[in-house]
Amino acid sequence: MQALLFLGFLHMKLKDRVAIITGASRGIGSAIAKRFAKEGAKVVINYNQSEDKASRLVDEIRMNGGQALAVRADVSKPDEVKQLVKKTVDAFGRVDILVNNAGVMFQNTFLDATEEVWDQTIDVNLKGAYLCSKEVAPIMLKQKKGKIINISSNSGIYHPSALRFVEYVVSKAGMNGLTRALALKLGPYVNVNAICPGWIKTEMVAETDPEVERMVLEETALKRFGTADEVANAALYLASDDSDFVTGELHMITGGRGMH
């Protein structure tokens, strides 16, 4: 039994690596945090408002033998991002992986949306990814190794029915451009990739019009919604050594929705 446990420990894909996951108290971020911790990573759970959920996630990871720390920070604010990264380095000594997952989506029409909705969406989804990447990049470059993973969306690429929410779509299209620009800028030492999920069942889309859900399923080859755990599987690949020759890519996790 001890030999089997030791063998499993040796095969952890992220053993002793330090990962910051923004917006990690729920949904996709939470699933990624748990998966990374299971694979041996020391995980920093970033949250902005959901302190209780973040604390429960840290407790769950620790109860399962992992290492985790919760840090509150609004990723759209430079000073708070600096503190997030500083607290990570103070606790764990380095940063190996950044997952830019924090995001917001307002389900309104273009004509009804306010400038405040635009600002908040761009600030959190796009500016947040920019600020966090900029803060960890010098650390990763000094280490001569690092992985940045942007949680984007297929809404930011091409699919007509996914283009309903203008502010959200623009923020994700910008994130895709940021991914490729940073891949060139930070190579050869830092890999930067994006995951572009299709319709994933999380709290963010819990209150969706049933007619919209029906339309999404019709457009999806696998005829079902994705799960946060399936996105976490892709994130694990991009965070691990398995993807060392992969950078600047937009990984579609859509169940075949919008193939072209």
C-alpha atoms as a PDB file:
ATOM      1  CA  MET A   1       0.000   0.000   0.000  1.00  0.00           C
ATOM      2  CA  GLN A   2       2.792   2.421   0.916  1.00  0.00           C
ATOM      3  CA  ALA A   3       4.569   1.640  -2.351  1.00  0.00           C
ATOM      4  CA  LEU A   4       1.405   2.464  -4.316  1.00  0.00           C
ATOM      5  CA  LEU A   5       0.963   5.760  -2.466  1.00  0.00           C
ATOM      6  CA  PHE A   6       4.590   6.676  -3.136  1.00  0.00           C
ATOM      7  CA  LEU A   7       4.225   5.809  -6.812  1.00  0.00           C
ATOM      8  CA  GLY A   8       1.174   8.050  -7.066  1.00  0.00           C
ATOM      9  CA  PHE A   9       3.086  10.880  -5.396  1.00  0.00           C
ATOM     10  CA  LEU A  10       5.889  10.548  -7.928  1.00  0.00           C
ATOM     11  CA  HIS A  11       3.453  10.792 -10.825  1.00  0.00           C
ATOM     12  CA  MET A  12       1.763  13.999  -9.709  1.00  0.00           C
ATOM     13  CA  LYS A  13       1.903  16.314 -12.716  1.00  0.00           C
ATOM     14  CA  LEU A  14       2.229  19.547 -10.684  1.00  0.00           C
ATOM     15  CA  LYS A  15       4.199  18.392  -7.655  1.00  0.00           C
ATOM     16  CA  ASP A  16       5.452  21.377  -5.592  1.00  0.00           C
ATOM     17  CA  ARG A  17       4.430  23.948  -8.194  1.00  0.00           C
ATOM     18  CA  VAL A  18       2.695  27.124  -7.098  1.00  0.00           C
ATOM     19  CA  ALA A  19      -0.497  28.149  -8.875  1.00  0.00           C
ATOM     20  CA  ILE A  20      -2.567  31.310  -8.600  1.00  0.00           C
ATOM     21  CA  ILE A  21      -6.148  30.850  -9.783  1.00  0.00           C
ATOM     22  CA  THR A  22      -8.229  34.003  -9.967  1.00  0.00           C
ATOM     23  CA  GLY A  23     -11.952  33.865  -9.309  1.00  0.00           C
ATOM     24  CA  ALA A  24     -11.440  30.419  -7.821  1.00  0.00           C
ATOM     25  CA  SER A  25     -14.118  30.291  -5.139  1.00  0.00           C
ATOM     26  CA  ARG A  26     -16.693  28.663  -7.430  1.00  0.00           C
ATOM     27  CA  GLY A  27     -17.401  27.143 -10.833  1.00  0.00           C
ATOM     28  CA  ILE A  28     -14.556  26.525 -13.242  1.00  0.00           C
ATOM     29  CA  GLY A  29     -11.988  28.173 -10.974  1.00  0.00           C
ATOM     30  CA  SER A  30     -12.899  25.936  -8.058  1.00  0.00           C
ATOM     31  CA  ALA A  31     -12.693  22.806 -10.219  1.00  0.00           C
ATOM     32  CA  ILE A  32      -9.255  23.839 -11.498  1.00  0.00           C
ATOM     33  CA  ALA A  33      -8.020  24.551  -7.960  1.00  0.00           C
ATOM     34  CA  LYS A  34      -9.090  21.122  -6.727  1.00  0.00           C
ATOM     35  CA  ARG A  35      -7.585  19.369  -9.741  1.00  0.00           C
ATOM     36  CA  PHE A  36      -4.274  21.209  -9.428  1.00  0.00           C
ATOM     37  CA  ALA A  37      -4.080  20.474  -5.694  1.00  0.00           C
ATOM     38  CA  LYS A  38      -4.755  16.795  -6.355  1.00  0.00           C
ATOM     39  CA  GLU A  39      -1.797  16.836  -8.740  1.00  0.00           C
ATOM     40  CA  GLY A  40       0.521  18.276  -6.064  1.00  0.00           C
ATOM     41  CA  ALA A  41       0.307  22.030  -6.653  1.00  0.00           C
ATOM     42  CA  LYS A  42       0.286  24.601  -3.877  1.00  0.00           C
ATOM     43  CA  VAL A  43      -2.833  26.538  -4.776  1.00  0.00           C
ATOM     44  CA  VAL A  44      -3.702  30.182  -4.126  1.00  0.00           C
ATOM     45  CA  ILE A  45      -7.465  30.662  -4.218  1.00  0.00           C
ATOM     46  CA  ASN A  46      -8.178  34.231  -5.288  1.00  0.00           C
ATOM     47  CA  TYR A  47     -11.647  35.638  -4.610  1.00  0.00           C
ATOM     48  CA  ASN A  48     -13.215  39.067  -4.451  1.00  0.00           C
ATOM     49  CA  GLN A  49     -16.527  38.674  -2.614  1.00  0.00           C
ATOM     50  CA  SER A  50     -17.104  34.989  -1.817  1.00  0.00           C
ATOM     51  CA  GLU A  51     -14.923  34.660   1.286  1.00  0.00           C
ATOM     52  CA  ASP A  52     -16.948  31.792   2.769  1.00  0.00           C
ATOM     53  CA  LYS A  53     -16.763  29.733  -0.415  1.00  0.00           C
ATOM     54  CA  ALA A  54     -13.037  30.392  -0.748  1.00  0.00           C
ATOM     55  CA  SER A  55     -12.431  29.347   2.858  1.00  0.00           C
ATOM     56  CA  ARG A  56     -14.445  26.158   2.428  1.00  0.00           C
ATOM     57  CA  LEU A  57     -12.470  25.307  -0.699  1.00  0.00           C
ATOM     58  CA  VAL A  58      -9.171  25.826   1.131  1.00  0.00           C
ATOM     59  CA  ASP A  59     -10.403  23.574   3.950  1.00  0.00           C
ATOM     60  CA  GLU A  60     -11.464  20.882   1.462  1.00  0.00           C
ATOM     61  CA  ILE A  61      -8.082  20.918  -0.262  1.00  0.00           C
ATOM     62  CA  ARG A  62      -6.217  20.751   3.045  1.00  0.00           C
ATOM     63  CA  MET A  63      -8.416  17.910   4.329  1.00  0.00           C
ATOM     64  CA  ASN A  64      -7.426  15.947   1.223  1.00  0.00           C
ATOM     65  CA  GLY A  65      -3.726  16.474   1.913  1.00  0.00           C
ATOM     66  CA  GLY A  66      -3.111  19.490  -0.325  1.00  0.00           C
ATOM     67  CA  GLN A  67      -1.787  22.969   0.331  1.00  0.00           C
ATOM     68  CA  ALA A  68      -3.946  26.033  -0.296  1.00  0.00           C
ATOM     69  CA  LEU A  69      -4.259  29.677   0.648  1.00  0.00           C
ATOM     70  CA  ALA A  70      -7.181  32.086   0.089  1.00  0.00           C
ATOM     71  CA  VAL A  71      -6.353  35.672  -0.894  1.00  0.00           C
ATOM     72  CA  ARG A  72      -8.922  38.391  -1.522  1.00  0.00           C
ATOM     73  CA  ALA A  73      -8.166  40.722  -4.422  1.00  0.00           C
ATOM     74  CA  ASP A  74     -10.083  42.605  -7.075  1.00  0.00           C
ATOM     75  CA  VAL A  75      -8.084  41.690 -10.183  1.00  0.00           C
ATOM     76  CA  SER A  76      -9.071  44.922 -11.923  1.00  0.00           C
ATOM     77  CA  LYS A  77      -7.108  46.962  -9.343  1.00  0.00           C
ATOM     78  CA  PRO A  78      -3.303  47.047  -9.796  1.00  0.00           C
ATOM     79  CA  ASP A  79      -2.472  47.477  -6.098  1.00  0.00           C
ATOM     80  CA  GLU A  80      -4.608  44.514  -5.107  1.00  0.00           C
ATOM     81  CA  VAL A  81      -3.056  42.349  -7.827  1.00  0.00           C
ATOM     82  CA  LYS A  82       0.402  43.253  -6.522  1.00  0.00           C
ATOM     83  CA  GLN A  83      -0.662  42.173  -3.026  1.00  0.00           C
ATOM     84  CA  LEU A  84      -2.098  38.920  -4.384  1.00  0.00           C
ATOM     85  CA  VAL A  85       1.204  38.009  -5.989  1.00  0.00           C
ATOM     86  CA  LYS A  86       3.250  39.232  -3.009  1.00  0.00           C
ATOM     87  CA  LYS A  87       1.233  37.097  -0.580  1.00  0.00           C
ATOM     88  CA  THR A  88       1.715  34.111  -2.881  1.00  0.00           C
ATOM     89  CA  VAL A  89       5.490  34.571  -2.988  1.00  0.00           C
ATOM     90  CA  ASP A  90       5.650  35.238   0.759  1.00  0.00           C
ATOM     91  CA  ALA A  91       3.786  31.990   1.436  1.00  0.00           C
ATOM     92  CA  PHE A  92       5.266  29.685  -1.199  1.00  0.00           C
ATOM     93  CA  GLY A  93       8.396  31.367  -2.585  1.00  0.00           C
ATOM     94  CA  ARG A  94       7.541  31.395  -6.289  1.00  0.00           C
ATOM     95  CA  VAL A  95       4.800  31.424  -8.951  1.00  0.00           C
ATOM     96  CA  ASP A  96       4.778  28.669 -11.561  1.00  0.00           C
ATOM     97  CA  ILE A  97       1.229  28.851 -12.896  1.00  0.00           C
ATOM     98  CA  LEU A  98      -1.304  31.632 -13.324  1.00  0.00           C
ATOM     99  CA  VAL A  99      -4.883  30.866 -14.325  1.00  0.00           C
ATOM    100  CA  ASN A 100      -6.770  34.026 -15.301  1.00  0.00           C
ATOM    101  CA  ASN A 101     -10.245  32.758 -14.570  1.00  0.00           C
ATOM    102  CA  ALA A 102     -11.994  35.688 -12.841  1.00  0.00           C
ATOM    103  CA  GLY A 103     -14.873  36.903 -14.956  1.00  0.00           C
ATOM    104  CA  VAL A 104     -18.284  38.522 -15.057  1.00  0.00           C
ATOM    105  CA  MET A 105     -21.135  38.361 -17.563  1.00  0.00           C
ATOM    106  CA  PHE A 106     -24.217  40.563 -17.646  1.00  0.00           C
ATOM    107  CA  GLN A 107     -27.154  39.146 -19.586  1.00  0.00           C
ATOM    108  CA  ASN A 108     -28.505  42.293 -21.160  1.00  0.00           C
ATOM    109  CA  THR A 109     -29.039  43.537 -24.699  1.00  0.00           C
ATOM    110  CA  PHE A 110     -26.628  45.970 -26.320  1.00  0.00           C
ATOM    111  CA  LEU A 111     -29.129  48.834 -26.313  1.00  0.00           C
ATOM    112  CA  ASP A 112     -30.045  48.272 -22.668  1.00  0.00           C
ATOM    113  CA  ALA A 113     -26.483  47.951 -21.359  1.00  0.00           C
ATOM    114  CA  THR A 114     -24.928  50.854 -19.510  1.00  0.00           C
ATOM    115  CA  GLU A 115     -21.414  52.218 -19.655  1.00  0.00           C
ATOM    116  CA  GLU A 116     -20.952  50.813 -16.153  1.00  0.00           C
ATOM    117  CA  VAL A 117     -21.689  47.315 -17.460  1.00  0.00           C
ATOM    118  CA  TRP A 118     -19.112  47.812 -20.217  1.00  0.00           C
ATOM    119  CA  ASP A 119     -16.469  49.096 -17.799  1.00  0.00           C
ATOM    120  CA  GLN A 120     -16.943  46.343 -15.244  1.00  0.00           C
ATOM    121  CA  THR A 121     -16.905  43.581 -17.856  1.00  0.00           C
ATOM    122  CA  ILE A 122     -13.747  44.817 -19.563  1.00  0.00           C
ATOM    123  CA  ASP A 123     -12.037  45.668 -16.273  1.00  0.00           C
ATOM    124  CA  VAL A 124     -12.525  42.247 -14.714  1.00  0.00           C
ATOM    125  CA  ASN A 125     -12.358  39.941 -17.729  1.00  0.00           C
ATOM    126  CA  LEU A 126      -9.631  41.608 -19.788  1.00  0.00           C
ATOM    127  CA  LYS A 127      -7.786  44.170 -17.699  1.00  0.00           C
ATOM    128  CA  GLY A 128      -7.647  41.691 -14.821  1.00  0.00           C
ATOM    129  CA  ALA A 129      -5.922  39.084 -16.983  1.00  0.00           C
ATOM    130  CA  TYR A 130      -3.508  41.749 -18.239  1.00  0.00           C
ATOM    131  CA  LEU A 131      -2.620  42.997 -14.751  1.00  0.00           C
ATOM    132  CA  CYS A 132      -2.151  39.537 -13.253  1.00  0.00           C
ATOM    133  CA  SER A 133      -0.027  38.377 -16.185  1.00  0.00           C
ATOM    134  CA  LYS A 134       2.114  41.493 -16.000  1.00  0.00           C
ATOM    135  CA  GLU A 135       2.705  40.971 -12.278  1.00  0.00           C
ATOM    136  CA  VAL A 136       3.768  37.317 -12.495  1.00  0.00           C
ATOM    137  CA  ALA A 137       5.731  37.570 -15.760  1.00  0.00           C
ATOM    138  CA  PRO A 138       8.979  38.910 -14.200  1.00  0.00           C
ATOM    139  CA  ILE A 139       8.932  36.077 -11.653  1.00  0.00           C
ATOM    140  CA  MET A 140       8.406  33.429 -14.319  1.00  0.00           C
ATOM    141  CA  LEU A 141      11.047  34.916 -16.610  1.00  0.00           C
ATOM    142  CA  LYS A 142      13.549  34.904 -13.766  1.00  0.00           C
ATOM    143  CA  GLN A 143      12.694  31.257 -13.087  1.00  0.00           C
ATOM    144  CA  LYS A 144      12.981  30.582 -16.858  1.00  0.00           C
ATOM    145  CA  LYS A 145       9.713  28.664 -16.702  1.00  0.00           C
ATOM    146  CA  GLY A 146       6.055  29.447 -16.219  1.00  0.00           C
ATOM    147  CA  LYS A 147       2.566  28.756 -17.499  1.00  0.00           C
ATOM    148  CA  ILE A 148      -0.203  31.350 -17.983  1.00  0.00           C
ATOM    149  CA  ILE A 149      -3.659  30.038 -18.818  1.00  0.00           C
ATOM    150  CA  ASN A 150      -6.483  32.392 -19.774  1.00  0.00           C
ATOM    151  CA  ILE A 151     -10.032  31.121 -19.347  1.00  0.00           C
ATOM    152  CA  SER A 152     -11.673  32.693 -22.384  1.00  0.00           C
ATOM    153  CA  SER A 153     -14.777  31.554 -24.302  1.00  0.00           C
ATOM    154  CA  ASN A 154     -15.814  30.413 -27.741  1.00  0.00           C
ATOM    155  CA  SER A 155     -17.939  33.571 -27.644  1.00  0.00           C
ATOM    156  CA  GLY A 156     -14.759  35.500 -28.345  1.00  0.00           C
ATOM    157  CA  ILE A 157     -14.002  33.698 -31.597  1.00  0.00           C
ATOM    158  CA  TYR A 158     -16.713  33.108 -34.158  1.00  0.00           C
ATOM    159  CA  HIS A 159     -19.937  31.453 -33.209  1.00  0.00           C
ATOM    160  CA  PRO A 160     -22.994  33.571 -34.184  1.00  0.00           C
ATOM    161  CA  SER A 161     -25.352  32.408 -31.432  1.00  0.00           C
ATOM    162  CA  ALA A 162     -22.604  32.892 -28.848  1.00  0.00           C
ATOM    163  CA  LEU A 163     -22.307  36.560 -29.774  1.00  0.00           C
ATOM    164  CA  ARG A 164     -25.372  37.741 -27.847  1.00  0.00           C
ATOM    165  CA  PHE A 165     -23.704  39.705 -25.066  1.00  0.00           C
ATOM    166  CA  VAL A 166     -21.575  42.406 -26.653  1.00  0.00           C
ATOM    167  CA  GLU A 167     -19.438  43.436 -23.668  1.00  0.00           C
ATOM    168  CA  TYR A 168     -18.646  39.840 -22.722  1.00  0.00           C
ATOM    169  CA  VAL A 169     -17.764  38.883 -26.297  1.00  0.00           C
ATOM    170  CA  VAL A 170     -15.435  41.864 -26.674  1.00  0.00           C
ATOM    171  CA  SER A 171     -13.687  41.054 -23.391  1.00  0.00           C
ATOM    172  CA  LYS A 172     -13.082  37.448 -24.452  1.00  0.00           C
ATOM    173  CA  ALA A 173     -11.927  38.393 -27.950  1.00  0.00           C
ATOM    174  CA  GLY A 174      -9.479  40.742 -26.263  1.00  0.00           C
ATOM    175  CA  MET A 175      -8.323  37.938 -23.980  1.00  0.00           C
ATOM    176  CA  ASN A 176      -7.633  35.765 -27.019  1.00  0.00           C
ATOM    177  CA  GLY A 177      -5.523  38.542 -28.529  1.00  0.00           C
ATOM    178  CA  LEU A 178      -3.732  39.021 -25.203  1.00  0.00           C
ATOM    179  CA  THR A 179      -2.950  35.300 -25.138  1.00  0.00           C
ATOM    180  CA  ARG A 180      -1.179  35.337 -28.479  1.00  0.00           C
ATOM    181  CA  ALA A 181       0.613  38.626 -27.881  1.00  0.00           C
ATOM    182  CA  LEU A 182       1.956  37.448 -24.526  1.00  0.00           C
ATOM    183  CA  ALA A 183       2.977  34.087 -25.980  1.00  0.00           C
ATOM    184  CA  LEU A 184       5.298  35.937 -28.351  1.00  0.00           C
ATOM    185  CA  LYS A 185       6.443  38.466 -25.777  1.00  0.00           C
ATOM    186  CA  LEU A 186       7.209  35.999 -22.979  1.00  0.00           C
ATOM    187  CA  GLY A 187       8.685  33.146 -25.014  1.00  0.00           C
ATOM    188  CA  PRO A 188      10.779  31.071 -24.841  1.00  0.00           C
ATOM    189  CA  TYR A 189      10.409  30.662 -21.087  1.00  0.00           C
ATOM    190  CA  VAL A 190       6.703  31.268 -20.436  1.00  0.00           C
ATOM    191  CA  ASN A 191       3.912  29.390 -22.185  1.00  0.00           C
ATOM    192  CA  VAL A 192       0.691  31.373 -22.612  1.00  0.00           C
ATOM    193  CA  ASN A 193      -2.483  29.661 -23.791  1.00  0.00           C
ATOM    194  CA  ALA A 194      -6.235  30.132 -23.581  1.00  0.00           C
ATOM    195  CA  ILE A 195      -9.072  27.729 -22.987  1.00  0.00           C
ATOM    196  CA  CYS A 196     -12.256  28.648 -24.850  1.00  0.00           C
ATOM    197  CA  PRO A 197     -15.129  26.714 -23.295  1.00  0.00           C
ATOM    198  CA  GLY A 198     -18.505  26.353 -24.877  1.00  0.00           C
ATOM    199  CA  TRP A 199     -21.601  26.089 -22.681  1.00  0.00           C
ATOM    200  CA  ILE A 200     -20.426  24.962 -19.251  1.00  0.00           C
ATOM    201  CA  LYS A 201     -22.994  24.496 -16.484  1.00  0.00           C
ATOM    202  CA  THR A 202     -21.884  26.834 -13.684  1.00  0.00           C
ATOM    203  CA  GLU A 203     -23.499  29.422 -11.421  1.00  0.00           C
ATOM    204  CA  MET A 204     -22.742  32.107 -14.030  1.00  0.00           C
ATOM    205  CA  VAL A 205     -25.302  30.640 -16.445  1.00  0.00           C
ATOM    206  CA  ALA A 206     -27.705  29.120 -13.904  1.00  0.00           C
ATOM    207  CA  GLU A 207     -30.573  31.482 -14.793  1.00  0.00           C
ATOM    208  CA  THR A 208     -30.605  31.072 -18.563  1.00  0.00           C
ATOM    209  CA  ASP A 209     -33.654  31.106 -20.830  1.00  0.00           C
ATOM    210  CA  PRO A 210     -34.648  27.459 -21.553  1.00  0.00           C
ATOM    211  CA  GLU A 211     -35.072  28.345 -25.221  1.00  0.00           C
ATOM    212  CA  VAL A 212     -31.452  29.498 -25.355  1.00  0.00           C
ATOM    213  CA  GLU A 213     -30.325  26.256 -23.719  1.00  0.00           C
ATOM    214  CA  ARG A 214     -32.338  24.255 -26.289  1.00  0.00           C
ATOM    215  CA  MET A 215     -30.670  26.169 -29.122  1.00  0.00           C
ATOM    216  CA  VAL A 216     -27.213  25.593 -27.637  1.00  0.00           C
ATOM    217  CA  LEU A 217     -27.782  21.847 -27.421  1.00  0.00           C
ATOM    218  CA  GLU A 218     -28.958  21.737 -31.035  1.00  0.00           C
ATOM    219  CA  GLU A 219     -25.707  23.402 -32.095  1.00  0.00           C
ATOM    220  CA  THR A 220     -23.522  21.068 -30.015  1.00  0.00           C
ATOM    221  CA  ALA A 221     -22.319  17.838 -31.614  1.00  0.00           C
ATOM    222  CA  LEU A 222     -22.199  15.961 -28.296  1.00  0.00           C
ATOM    223  CA  LYS A 223     -25.740  17.132 -27.383  1.00  0.00           C
ATOM    224  CA  ARG A 224     -24.932  18.033 -23.795  1.00  0.00           C
ATOM    225  CA  PHE A 225     -23.441  20.825 -21.717  1.00  0.00           C
ATOM    226  CA  GLY A 226     -19.853  20.649 -20.555  1.00  0.00           C
ATOM    227  CA  THR A 227     -18.722  20.482 -16.944  1.00  0.00           C
ATOM    228  CA  ALA A 228     -16.261  22.513 -14.936  1.00  0.00           C
ATOM    229  CA  ASP A 229     -14.220  19.342 -14.381  1.00  0.00           C
ATOM    230  CA  GLU A 230     -13.787  18.932 -18.136  1.00  0.00           C
ATOM    231  CA  VAL A 231     -12.355  22.444 -18.351  1.00  0.00           C
ATOM    232  CA  ALA A 232     -10.093  21.602 -15.403  1.00  0.00           C
ATOM    233  CA  ASN A 233      -8.738  18.617 -17.361  1.00  0.00           C
ATOM    234  CA  ALA A 234      -7.653  20.973 -20.144  1.00  0.00           C
ATOM    235  CA  ALA A 235      -6.145  23.406 -17.641  1.00  0.00           C
ATOM    236  CA  LEU A 236      -4.108  20.591 -16.091  1.00  0.00           C
ATOM    237  CA  TYR A 237      -2.667  19.712 -19.482  1.00  0.00           C
ATOM    238  CA  LEU A 238      -1.686  23.330 -20.157  1.00  0.00           C
ATOM    239  CA  ALA A 239      -0.190  23.747 -16.670  1.00  0.00           C
ATOM    240  CA  SER A 240       1.894  20.575 -16.830  1.00  0.00           C
ATOM    241  CA  ASP A 241       5.072  19.612 -18.666  1.00  0.00           C
ATOM    242  CA  ASP A 242       2.902  17.761 -21.195  1.00  0.00           C
ATOM    243  CA  SER A 243       2.269  21.100 -22.947  1.00  0.00           C
ATOM    244  CA  ASP A 244       5.812  22.472 -22.946  1.00  0.00           C
ATOM    245  CA  PHE A 245       5.760  22.864 -26.765  1.00  0.00           C
ATOM    246  CA  VAL A 246       2.332  24.496 -26.799  1.00  0.00           C
ATOM    247  CA  THR A 247       1.953  28.281 -26.670  1.00  0.00           C
ATOM    248  CA  GLY A 248      -0.266  30.949 -28.179  1.00  0.00           C
ATOM    249  CA  GLU A 249      -3.080  28.440 -28.710  1.00  0.00           C
ATOM    250  CA  LEU A 250      -6.821  28.801 -28.183  1.00  0.00           C
ATOM    251  CA  HIS A 251      -8.079  25.440 -26.940  1.00  0.00           C
ATOM    252  CA  MET A 252     -11.720  24.812 -27.788  1.00  0.00           C
ATOM    253  CA  ILE A 253     -13.621  22.833 -25.136  1.00  0.00           C
ATOM    254  CA  THR A 254     -17.084  23.046 -26.683  1.00  0.00           C
ATOM    255  CA  GLY A 255     -18.464  19.574 -27.362  1.00  0.00           C
ATOM    256  CA  GLY A 256     -18.325  20.414 -31.064  1.00  0.00           C
ATOM    257  CA  ARG A 257     -20.400  23.568 -30.848  1.00  0.00           C
ATOM    258  CA  GLY A 258     -19.783  25.917 -33.762  1.00  0.00           C
ATOM    259  CA  MET A 259     -17.355  23.717 -35.708  1.00  0.00           C
ATOM    260  CA  HIS A 260     -16.225  25.242 -38.976  1.00  0.00           C
END
